[in-house]
């Protein structure tokens, strides 16, 4: 990787940092709002189902554990689209960007069908995870409804990552805003039973999710096919779809998928343990994770923008700009997270009361919201630096570090704290704080070590 001239000049560093922050802001906010839109849909589902019935909320909470694991792994498997598109965009090979998207569509659909094949067996999966028969039945029905929309989810991801990779994240944000309005309306109809529909509770919310995901996939494909400047990217040109042409796309995706899977399976284990404790704890965990997800999705948007900036620098073979992109991404994340951390600490009772009117559930949820504030800083930072490593195509080392932090450390620690030491749901959250700190430290060391290696190259 070559280095640019005058890079030791403080003026050069200031100008580059100014440009990095400017690009991060421009890229981050549409991506943040798009990711927040995803989270908002989940919050709407939780609020509307929670106000319908605490038992239905328990069905929803446990049913989404395997589904979310499948989708999170799929997001990782699709990350090659963003990484390779941003690399090609940085190298000004715009036709290659279009070919990557065209290959990502069938790739995403096949992945989605695999997810469908898993989640359609919802009840047996939940029984294998040790859930009570009634919880497994209710959660299994929800999983079957959501499973139908998983192929549309992965196709939508192919479109979203392509647009972000070519520095056009705004359309994804607009589509997500529209999707949120559709989601509220469909939940109102299907959860509570309006316009001739019978009340369906958590299952109705699941069908609303499937409808919205189908709208997103179809709408975004049509937009890309007709977007301004589509000729530059060769969107309509024939593409070689032979399997060996997808090798790099798959290779990056395998590592990112395993990384996402390791992290999310660790958190999924926490919800399974919560289910063992009881429905009240399970409902509290669902609310706490939904609350935590709002600021985390902001960090996830910053992480996506950081991955794009790192990927573009890699495409230009500019090692110092790559280092600045990752560093500025972390700095920008801290600036955004600190005020949100304060909100979680100061207003936990009010936040919990927004999700449920049951005082017992509020009492269990409040300490989890306070703990999530302390988890936020390190978890968001490790997400940003992890995406920076993906942007520079570092595939397998981050996977091993995530596996160590969230599988080897967090799962046993959470069990010990929750059951052996009797700390319950609080112990589950405490283990996630420890795992996030370990992950952040290890990933940061990896990123700066690779940058040091870059600088040593002639």
Foldseek 3Di string as FASTA:
>chain_A
DDADPPPVPVVNVVVLLVVLVVLLVLQLPLQLLLLLLVLVLLLLLLQLLQAVDLLLSLLLLLLCLLVVLLLLLLLLLQLLLLLVLLLCLLLVVQQVLLLSLVLQQVVLLVSLVVSLVVQQQQLVVLVVLVFDNVSSVSSSLLSNLLSVQSSLQSLLSSLQSSCSSNVRSNVSSVLSVVLSVQLNVQCVCACPNPPNGHHDRSSSSSNSNSVSSNCSNVVSVVCLVPPPPNVSNVNVPDHDNPPVVCVSSSQSSVLRSLLSSLQSVLVSLLLSLLSVVHSLSNSLSSLLVSLLSSLLSSLLSLLSSLLSQLSSCVSVVHLVSLVSSLVSSLVVSVVSLPVVLVCLQPDLLVSLCSRHVDPSSSVSNSVSSNLSSLLNSLQSLLSNLVSSCSSNVVGHPLSVQSNCLRPVQLNVQLCCVCPVVVNNSNSNSVSSSRSSNSSNVVSVVVVVVVSVVSVPDD
